[in-house]
PDB file of N, CA and C in Angstrom:
ATOM      1  N   UNK A   1     103.545  99.722  94.028  1.00  0.00           N
ATOM      2  CA  UNK A   1     103.034  98.769  93.047  1.00  0.00           C
ATOM      3  C   UNK A   1     104.207  98.138  92.301  1.00  0.00           C
ATOM      4  N   UNK A   2     104.169  96.866  92.172  1.00  0.00           N
ATOM      5  CA  UNK A   2     105.211  96.116  91.480  1.00  0.00           C
ATOM      6  C   UNK A   2     104.858  96.046  89.995  1.00  0.00           C
ATOM      7  N   UNK A   3     105.788  96.461  89.149  1.00  0.00           N
ATOM      8  CA  UNK A   3     105.579  96.417  87.702  1.00  0.00           C
ATOM      9  C   UNK A   3     106.377  95.259  87.099  1.00  0.00           C
ATOM     10  N   UNK A   4     105.803  94.639  86.070  1.00  0.00           N
ATOM     11  CA  UNK A   4     106.473  93.530  85.395  1.00  0.00           C
ATOM     12  C   UNK A   4     107.853  93.943  84.896  1.00  0.00           C
ATOM     13  N   UNK A   5     107.943  95.131  84.305  1.00  0.00           N
ATOM     14  CA  UNK A   5     109.217  95.598  83.751  1.00  0.00           C
ATOM     15  C   UNK A   5     110.303  95.705  84.811  1.00  0.00           C
ATOM     16  N   UNK A   6     109.923  96.089  86.035  1.00  0.00           N
ATOM     17  CA  UNK A   6     110.898  96.190  87.122  1.00  0.00           C
ATOM     18  C   UNK A   6     111.465  94.821  87.473  1.00  0.00           C
ATOM     19  N   UNK A   7     110.584  93.832  87.552  1.00  0.00           N
ATOM     20  CA  UNK A   7     111.025  92.472  87.884  1.00  0.00           C
ATOM     21  C   UNK A   7     111.878  91.917  86.757  1.00  0.00           C
ATOM     22  N   UNK A   8     111.440  92.126  85.521  1.00  0.00           N
ATOM     23  CA  UNK A   8     112.204  91.651  84.359  1.00  0.00           C
ATOM     24  C   UNK A   8     113.595  92.279  84.337  1.00  0.00           C
ATOM     25  N   UNK A   9     113.666  93.583  84.581  1.00  0.00           N
ATOM     26  CA  UNK A   9     114.952  94.285  84.570  1.00  0.00           C
ATOM     27  C   UNK A   9     115.861  93.786  85.688  1.00  0.00           C
ATOM     28  N   UNK A  10     115.284  93.556  86.859  1.00  0.00           N
ATOM     29  CA  UNK A  10     116.072  93.063  87.982  1.00  0.00           C
ATOM     30  C   UNK A  10     116.649  91.678  87.674  1.00  0.00           C
ATOM     31  N   UNK A  11     115.845  90.823  87.071  1.00  0.00           N
ATOM     32  CA  UNK A  11     116.337  89.496  86.660  1.00  0.00           C
ATOM     33  C   UNK A  11     117.492  89.665  85.677  1.00  0.00           C
ATOM     34  N   UNK A  12     117.317  90.536  84.697  1.00  0.00           N
ATOM     35  CA  UNK A  12     118.380  90.787  83.717  1.00  0.00           C
ATOM     36  C   UNK A  12     119.644  91.323  84.348  1.00  0.00           C
ATOM     37  N   UNK A  13     119.488  92.215  85.323  1.00  0.00           N
ATOM     38  CA  UNK A  13     120.643  92.784  86.010  1.00  0.00           C
ATOM     39  C   UNK A  13     121.388  91.722  86.814  1.00  0.00           C
ATOM     40  N   UNK A  14     120.648  90.917  87.559  1.00  0.00           N
ATOM     41  CA  UNK A  14     121.257  89.874  88.395  1.00  0.00           C
ATOM     42  C   UNK A  14     122.010  88.865  87.529  1.00  0.00           C
ATOM     43  N   UNK A  15     121.402  88.509  86.403  1.00  0.00           N
ATOM     44  CA  UNK A  15     122.017  87.512  85.520  1.00  0.00           C
ATOM     45  C   UNK A  15     122.998  88.128  84.527  1.00  0.00           C
ATOM     46  N   UNK A  16     123.135  89.447  84.563  1.00  0.00           N
ATOM     47  CA  UNK A  16     124.021  90.179  83.666  1.00  0.00           C
ATOM     48  C   UNK A  16     123.738  89.830  82.198  1.00  0.00           C
ATOM     49  N   UNK A  17     122.460  89.942  81.835  1.00  0.00           N
ATOM     50  CA  UNK A  17     122.023  89.564  80.498  1.00  0.00           C
ATOM     51  C   UNK A  17     122.000  90.719  79.510  1.00  0.00           C
ATOM     52  N   UNK A  18     122.217  91.920  79.996  1.00  0.00           N
ATOM     53  CA  UNK A  18     122.195  93.076  79.110  1.00  0.00           C
ATOM     54  C   UNK A  18     120.847  93.237  78.429  1.00  0.00           C
ATOM     55  N   UNK A  19     120.871  93.506  77.126  1.00  0.00           N
ATOM     56  CA  UNK A  19     119.643  93.756  76.371  1.00  0.00           C
ATOM     57  C   UNK A  19     118.788  92.505  76.185  1.00  0.00           C
ATOM     58  N   UNK A  20     119.339  91.326  76.408  1.00  0.00           N
ATOM     59  CA  UNK A  20     118.562  90.089  76.239  1.00  0.00           C
ATOM     60  C   UNK A  20     117.318  90.092  77.115  1.00  0.00           C
ATOM     61  N   UNK A  21     117.401  90.682  78.295  1.00  0.00           N
ATOM     62  CA  UNK A  21     116.276  90.673  79.232  1.00  0.00           C
ATOM     63  C   UNK A  21     115.083  91.461  78.700  1.00  0.00           C
ATOM     64  N   UNK A  22     115.309  92.439  77.831  1.00  0.00           N
ATOM     65  CA  UNK A  22     114.211  93.241  77.290  1.00  0.00           C
ATOM     66  C   UNK A  22     113.258  92.408  76.445  1.00  0.00           C
ATOM     67  N   UNK A  23     113.729  91.274  75.954  1.00  0.00           N
ATOM     68  CA  UNK A  23     112.895  90.397  75.125  1.00  0.00           C
ATOM     69  C   UNK A  23     112.065  89.438  75.970  1.00  0.00           C
ATOM     70  N   UNK A  24     112.311  89.399  77.270  1.00  0.00           N
ATOM     71  CA  UNK A  24     111.597  88.473  78.145  1.00  0.00           C
ATOM     72  C   UNK A  24     110.133  88.878  78.293  1.00  0.00           C
ATOM     73  N   UNK A  25     109.269  87.893  78.163  1.00  0.00           N
ATOM     74  CA  UNK A  25     107.849  88.085  78.427  1.00  0.00           C
ATOM     75  C   UNK A  25     107.451  87.225  79.618  1.00  0.00           C
ATOM     76  N   UNK A  26     106.196  87.267  80.012  1.00  0.00           N
ATOM     77  CA  UNK A  26     105.747  86.482  81.165  1.00  0.00           C
ATOM     78  C   UNK A  26     105.996  84.977  81.019  1.00  0.00           C
ATOM     79  N   UNK A  27     105.966  84.467  79.800  1.00  0.00           N
ATOM     80  CA  UNK A  27     106.138  83.027  79.578  1.00  0.00           C
ATOM     81  C   UNK A  27     107.583  82.610  79.336  1.00  0.00           C
ATOM     82  N   UNK A  28     108.507  83.549  79.416  1.00  0.00           N
ATOM     83  CA  UNK A  28     109.917  83.222  79.189  1.00  0.00           C
ATOM     84  C   UNK A  28     110.404  82.294  80.299  1.00  0.00           C
ATOM     85  N   UNK A  29     110.867  81.098  79.926  1.00  0.00           N
ATOM     86  CA  UNK A  29     111.347  80.161  80.945  1.00  0.00           C
ATOM     87  C   UNK A  29     112.677  80.613  81.552  1.00  0.00           C
ATOM     88  N   UNK A  30     112.833  80.356  82.837  1.00  0.00           N
ATOM     89  CA  UNK A  30     114.066  80.717  83.536  1.00  0.00           C
ATOM     90  C   UNK A  30     114.809  79.471  83.992  1.00  0.00           C
ATOM     91  N   UNK A  31     114.319  78.876  85.046  1.00  0.00           N
ATOM     92  CA  UNK A  31     114.995  77.747  85.676  1.00  0.00           C
ATOM     93  C   UNK A  31     115.145  76.590  84.688  1.00  0.00           C
ATOM     94  N   UNK A  32     116.365  76.193  84.449  1.00  0.00           N
ATOM     95  CA  UNK A  32     116.637  75.100  83.521  1.00  0.00           C
ATOM     96  C   UNK A  32     116.762  75.537  82.070  1.00  0.00           C
ATOM     97  N   UNK A  33     116.452  76.791  81.780  1.00  0.00           N
ATOM     98  CA  UNK A  33     116.496  77.273  80.401  1.00  0.00           C
ATOM     99  C   UNK A  33     117.578  78.318  80.153  1.00  0.00           C
ATOM    100  N   UNK A  34     117.940  79.049  81.191  1.00  0.00           N
ATOM    101  CA  UNK A  34     118.970  80.075  81.075  1.00  0.00           C
ATOM    102  C   UNK A  34     120.174  79.623  81.896  1.00  0.00           C
ATOM    103  N   UNK A  35     121.294  79.333  81.237  1.00  0.00           N
ATOM    104  CA  UNK A  35     122.464  78.801  81.950  1.00  0.00           C
ATOM    105  C   UNK A  35     122.922  79.674  83.118  1.00  0.00           C
ATOM    106  N   UNK A  36     122.758  80.979  82.983  1.00  0.00           N
ATOM    107  CA  UNK A  36     123.186  81.888  84.053  1.00  0.00           C
ATOM    108  C   UNK A  36     122.318  81.773  85.306  1.00  0.00           C
ATOM    109  N   UNK A  37     121.127  81.192  85.167  1.00  0.00           N
ATOM    110  CA  UNK A  37     120.181  81.117  86.288  1.00  0.00           C
ATOM    111  C   UNK A  37     120.412  79.827  87.069  1.00  0.00           C
ATOM    112  N   UNK A  38     121.470  79.854  87.885  1.00  0.00           N
ATOM    113  CA  UNK A  38     121.807  78.696  88.716  1.00  0.00           C
ATOM    114  C   UNK A  38     121.372  78.963  90.155  1.00  0.00           C
ATOM    115  N   UNK A  39     121.723  78.063  91.067  1.00  0.00           N
ATOM    116  CA  UNK A  39     121.272  78.190  92.456  1.00  0.00           C
ATOM    117  C   UNK A  39     121.780  79.467  93.116  1.00  0.00           C
ATOM    118  N   UNK A  40     122.988  79.880  92.803  1.00  0.00           N
ATOM    119  CA  UNK A  40     123.520  81.118  93.377  1.00  0.00           C
ATOM    120  C   UNK A  40     122.761  82.331  92.837  1.00  0.00           C
ATOM    121  N   UNK A  41     122.384  82.275  91.579  1.00  0.00           N
ATOM    122  CA  UNK A  41     121.617  83.373  90.985  1.00  0.00           C
ATOM    123  C   UNK A  41     120.231  83.459  91.631  1.00  0.00           C
ATOM    124  N   UNK A  42     119.642  82.320  91.962  1.00  0.00           N
ATOM    125  CA  UNK A  42     118.338  82.312  92.635  1.00  0.00           C
ATOM    126  C   UNK A  42     118.449  83.013  93.985  1.00  0.00           C
ATOM    127  N   UNK A  43     119.471  82.680  94.744  1.00  0.00           N
ATOM    128  CA  UNK A  43     119.675  83.302  96.064  1.00  0.00           C
ATOM    129  C   UNK A  43     119.902  84.808  95.905  1.00  0.00           C
ATOM    130  N   UNK A  44     120.726  85.191  94.952  1.00  0.00           N
ATOM    131  CA  UNK A  44     120.996  86.608  94.706  1.00  0.00           C
ATOM    132  C   UNK A  44     119.720  87.331  94.290  1.00  0.00           C
ATOM    133  N   UNK A  45     118.929  86.704  93.436  1.00  0.00           N
ATOM    134  CA  UNK A  45     117.673  87.306  92.983  1.00  0.00           C
ATOM    135  C   UNK A  45     116.703  87.468  94.146  1.00  0.00           C
ATOM    136  N   UNK A  46     116.581  86.461  94.989  1.00  0.00           N
ATOM    137  CA  UNK A  46     115.688  86.557  96.147  1.00  0.00           C
ATOM    138  C   UNK A  46     116.089  87.736  97.029  1.00  0.00           C
ATOM    139  N   UNK A  47     117.373  87.856  97.308  1.00  0.00           N
ATOM    140  CA  UNK A  47     117.853  88.977  98.125  1.00  0.00           C
ATOM    141  C   UNK A  47     117.538  90.321  97.471  1.00  0.00           C
ATOM    142  N   UNK A  48     117.743  90.407  96.166  1.00  0.00           N
ATOM    143  CA  UNK A  48     117.480  91.652  95.447  1.00  0.00           C
ATOM    144  C   UNK A  48     115.983  91.982  95.432  1.00  0.00           C
ATOM    145  N   UNK A  49     115.141  90.973  95.258  1.00  0.00           N
ATOM    146  CA  UNK A  49     113.689  91.179  95.272  1.00  0.00           C
ATOM    147  C   UNK A  49     113.225  91.662  96.643  1.00  0.00           C
ATOM    148  N   UNK A  50     113.770  91.054  97.685  1.00  0.00           N
ATOM    149  CA  UNK A  50     113.413  91.455  99.049  1.00  0.00           C
ATOM    150  C   UNK A  50     113.783  92.916  99.292  1.00  0.00           C
ATOM    151  N   UNK A  51     114.961  93.277  98.854  1.00  0.00           N
ATOM    152  CA  UNK A  51     115.453  94.638  99.062  1.00  0.00           C
ATOM    153  C   UNK A  51     114.683  95.663  98.229  1.00  0.00           C
ATOM    154  N   UNK A  52     114.505  95.370  96.964  1.00  0.00           N
ATOM    155  CA  UNK A  52     113.876  96.321  96.035  1.00  0.00           C
ATOM    156  C   UNK A  52     112.395  96.532  96.332  1.00  0.00           C
ATOM    157  N   UNK A  53     111.689  95.440  96.675  1.00  0.00           N
ATOM    158  CA  UNK A  53     110.236  95.530  96.840  1.00  0.00           C
ATOM    159  C   UNK A  53     109.782  95.453  98.298  1.00  0.00           C
ATOM    160  N   UNK A  54     110.746  95.475  99.215  1.00  0.00           N
ATOM    161  CA  UNK A  54     110.454  95.471 100.645  1.00  0.00           C
ATOM    162  C   UNK A  54     109.541  94.308 101.034  1.00  0.00           C
ATOM    163  N   UNK A  55     109.956  93.109 100.622  1.00  0.00           N
ATOM    164  CA  UNK A  55     109.215  91.892 100.960  1.00  0.00           C
ATOM    165  C   UNK A  55     110.144  90.942 101.703  1.00  0.00           C
ATOM    166  N   UNK A  56     109.564  89.951 102.330  1.00  0.00           N
ATOM    167  CA  UNK A  56     110.328  88.897 102.986  1.00  0.00           C
ATOM    168  C   UNK A  56     109.919  87.565 102.370  1.00  0.00           C
ATOM    169  N   UNK A  57     110.895  86.775 101.960  1.00  0.00           N
ATOM    170  CA  UNK A  57     110.631  85.467 101.367  1.00  0.00           C
ATOM    171  C   UNK A  57     111.097  84.405 102.348  1.00  0.00           C
ATOM    172  N   UNK A  58     110.154  83.623 102.832  1.00  0.00           N
ATOM    173  CA  UNK A  58     110.472  82.541 103.764  1.00  0.00           C
ATOM    174  C   UNK A  58     111.028  81.353 102.991  1.00  0.00           C
ATOM    175  N   UNK A  59     111.858  80.568 103.666  1.00  0.00           N
ATOM    176  CA  UNK A  59     112.470  79.396 103.025  1.00  0.00           C
ATOM    177  C   UNK A  59     111.429  78.461 102.422  1.00  0.00           C
ATOM    178  N   UNK A  60     110.297  78.285 103.103  1.00  0.00           N
ATOM    179  CA  UNK A  60     109.285  77.349 102.610  1.00  0.00           C
ATOM    180  C   UNK A  60     108.486  77.897 101.422  1.00  0.00           C
ATOM    181  N   UNK A  61     108.720  79.155 101.059  1.00  0.00           N
ATOM    182  CA  UNK A  61     108.065  79.749  99.888  1.00  0.00           C
ATOM    183  C   UNK A  61     108.909  79.602  98.624  1.00  0.00           C
ATOM    184  N   UNK A  62     110.114  79.136  98.780  1.00  0.00           N
ATOM    185  CA  UNK A  62     111.033  79.006  97.648  1.00  0.00           C
ATOM    186  C   UNK A  62     110.852  77.632  97.013  1.00  0.00           C
ATOM    187  N   UNK A  63     110.475  77.649  95.736  1.00  0.00           N
ATOM    188  CA  UNK A  63     110.309  76.391  95.013  1.00  0.00           C
ATOM    189  C   UNK A  63     110.719  76.598  93.556  1.00  0.00           C
ATOM    190  N   UNK A  64     110.975  75.509  92.887  1.00  0.00           N
ATOM    191  CA  UNK A  64     111.335  75.586  91.466  1.00  0.00           C
ATOM    192  C   UNK A  64     110.191  76.203  90.668  1.00  0.00           C
ATOM    193  N   UNK A  65     108.964  75.935  91.059  1.00  0.00           N
ATOM    194  CA  UNK A  65     107.803  76.465  90.347  1.00  0.00           C
ATOM    195  C   UNK A  65     107.783  77.995  90.362  1.00  0.00           C
ATOM    196  N   UNK A  66     108.166  78.591  91.483  1.00  0.00           N
ATOM    197  CA  UNK A  66     108.183  80.049  91.615  1.00  0.00           C
ATOM    198  C   UNK A  66     109.124  80.682  90.602  1.00  0.00           C
ATOM    199  N   UNK A  67     110.202  79.994  90.276  1.00  0.00           N
ATOM    200  CA  UNK A  67     111.226  80.547  89.384  1.00  0.00           C
ATOM    201  C   UNK A  67     111.205  79.905  88.000  1.00  0.00           C
ATOM    202  N   UNK A  68     110.089  79.286  87.655  1.00  0.00           N
ATOM    203  CA  UNK A  68     109.954  78.612  86.372  1.00  0.00           C
ATOM    204  C   UNK A  68     109.948  79.584  85.192  1.00  0.00           C
ATOM    205  N   UNK A  69     109.215  80.695  85.341  1.00  0.00           N
ATOM    206  CA  UNK A  69     109.136  81.700  84.272  1.00  0.00           C
ATOM    207  C   UNK A  69     109.256  83.098  84.872  1.00  0.00           C
ATOM    208  N   UNK A  70     109.498  84.066  84.009  1.00  0.00           N
ATOM    209  CA  UNK A  70     109.564  85.456  84.453  1.00  0.00           C
ATOM    210  C   UNK A  70     108.216  85.878  85.038  1.00  0.00           C
ATOM    211  N   UNK A  71     107.135  85.450  84.405  1.00  0.00           N
ATOM    212  CA  UNK A  71     105.796  85.789  84.878  1.00  0.00           C
ATOM    213  C   UNK A  71     105.494  85.227  86.258  1.00  0.00           C
ATOM    214  N   UNK A  72     105.980  84.029  86.541  1.00  0.00           N
ATOM    215  CA  UNK A  72     105.749  83.434  87.860  1.00  0.00           C
ATOM    216  C   UNK A  72     106.527  84.172  88.943  1.00  0.00           C
ATOM    217  N   UNK A  73     107.726  84.625  88.620  1.00  0.00           N
ATOM    218  CA  UNK A  73     108.494  85.428  89.575  1.00  0.00           C
ATOM    219  C   UNK A  73     107.744  86.732  89.830  1.00  0.00           C
ATOM    220  N   UNK A  74     107.277  87.366  88.762  1.00  0.00           N
ATOM    221  CA  UNK A  74     106.528  88.616  88.897  1.00  0.00           C
ATOM    222  C   UNK A  74     105.274  88.416  89.748  1.00  0.00           C
ATOM    223  N   UNK A  75     104.505  87.371  89.465  1.00  0.00           N
ATOM    224  CA  UNK A  75     103.269  87.118  90.213  1.00  0.00           C
ATOM    225  C   UNK A  75     103.574  86.881  91.693  1.00  0.00           C
ATOM    226  N   UNK A  76     104.638  86.158  91.971  1.00  0.00           N
ATOM    227  CA  UNK A  76     105.030  85.880  93.351  1.00  0.00           C
ATOM    228  C   UNK A  76     105.372  87.177  94.081  1.00  0.00           C
ATOM    229  N   UNK A  77     106.184  88.006  93.457  1.00  0.00           N
ATOM    230  CA  UNK A  77     106.603  89.268  94.074  1.00  0.00           C
ATOM    231  C   UNK A  77     105.404  90.192  94.256  1.00  0.00           C
ATOM    232  N   UNK A  78     104.561  90.270  93.256  1.00  0.00           N
ATOM    233  CA  UNK A  78     103.365  91.133  93.329  1.00  0.00           C
ATOM    234  C   UNK A  78     102.454  90.699  94.470  1.00  0.00           C
ATOM    235  N   UNK A  79     102.246  89.403  94.577  1.00  0.00           N
ATOM    236  CA  UNK A  79     101.412  88.857  95.654  1.00  0.00           C
ATOM    237  C   UNK A  79     102.000  89.184  97.029  1.00  0.00           C
ATOM    238  N   UNK A  80     103.307  89.005  97.158  1.00  0.00           N
ATOM    239  CA  UNK A  80     103.991  89.295  98.432  1.00  0.00           C
ATOM    240  C   UNK A  80     103.876  90.778  98.776  1.00  0.00           C
ATOM    241  N   UNK A  81     104.065  91.634  97.780  1.00  0.00           N
ATOM    242  CA  UNK A  81     104.010  93.078  98.021  1.00  0.00           C
ATOM    243  C   UNK A  81     102.596  93.517  98.402  1.00  0.00           C
ATOM    244  N   UNK A  82     101.595  92.955  97.742  1.00  0.00           N
ATOM    245  CA  UNK A  82     100.211  93.309  98.056  1.00  0.00           C
ATOM    246  C   UNK A  82      99.802  92.834  99.440  1.00  0.00           C
ATOM    247  N   UNK A  83     100.382  91.697  99.862  1.00  0.00           N
ATOM    248  CA  UNK A  83     100.090  91.163 101.194  1.00  0.00           C
ATOM    249  C   UNK A  83     100.817  91.946 102.282  1.00  0.00           C
ATOM    250  N   UNK A  84     101.764  92.757 101.856  1.00  0.00           N
ATOM    251  CA  UNK A  84     102.505  93.567 102.819  1.00  0.00           C
ATOM    252  C   UNK A  84     103.548  92.810 103.593  1.00  0.00           C
ATOM    253  N   UNK A  85     104.065  91.738 102.994  1.00  0.00           N
ATOM    254  CA  UNK A  85     105.138  91.001 103.665  1.00  0.00           C
ATOM    255  C   UNK A  85     106.324  91.004 102.796  1.00  0.00           C
TER     256      UNK A  85
END
């Protein structure tokens, strides 16, 4: 089961945000709002999500909308994990 806190912590770890990530809620904006969240960070996060939650993310599933907020990243990962991909 994918927990919100796990996804939030992973985002914080990838972006090296330290304690700042603990304040993130589902509506916390990411893309375009956090300077550390650039295209390389997106790729690194996708790889980490795939590894941690045993999912596969296809190129056509990657969109700005998916990475708009912490909650959207969580929902995407949860959906992928429940689908078993």
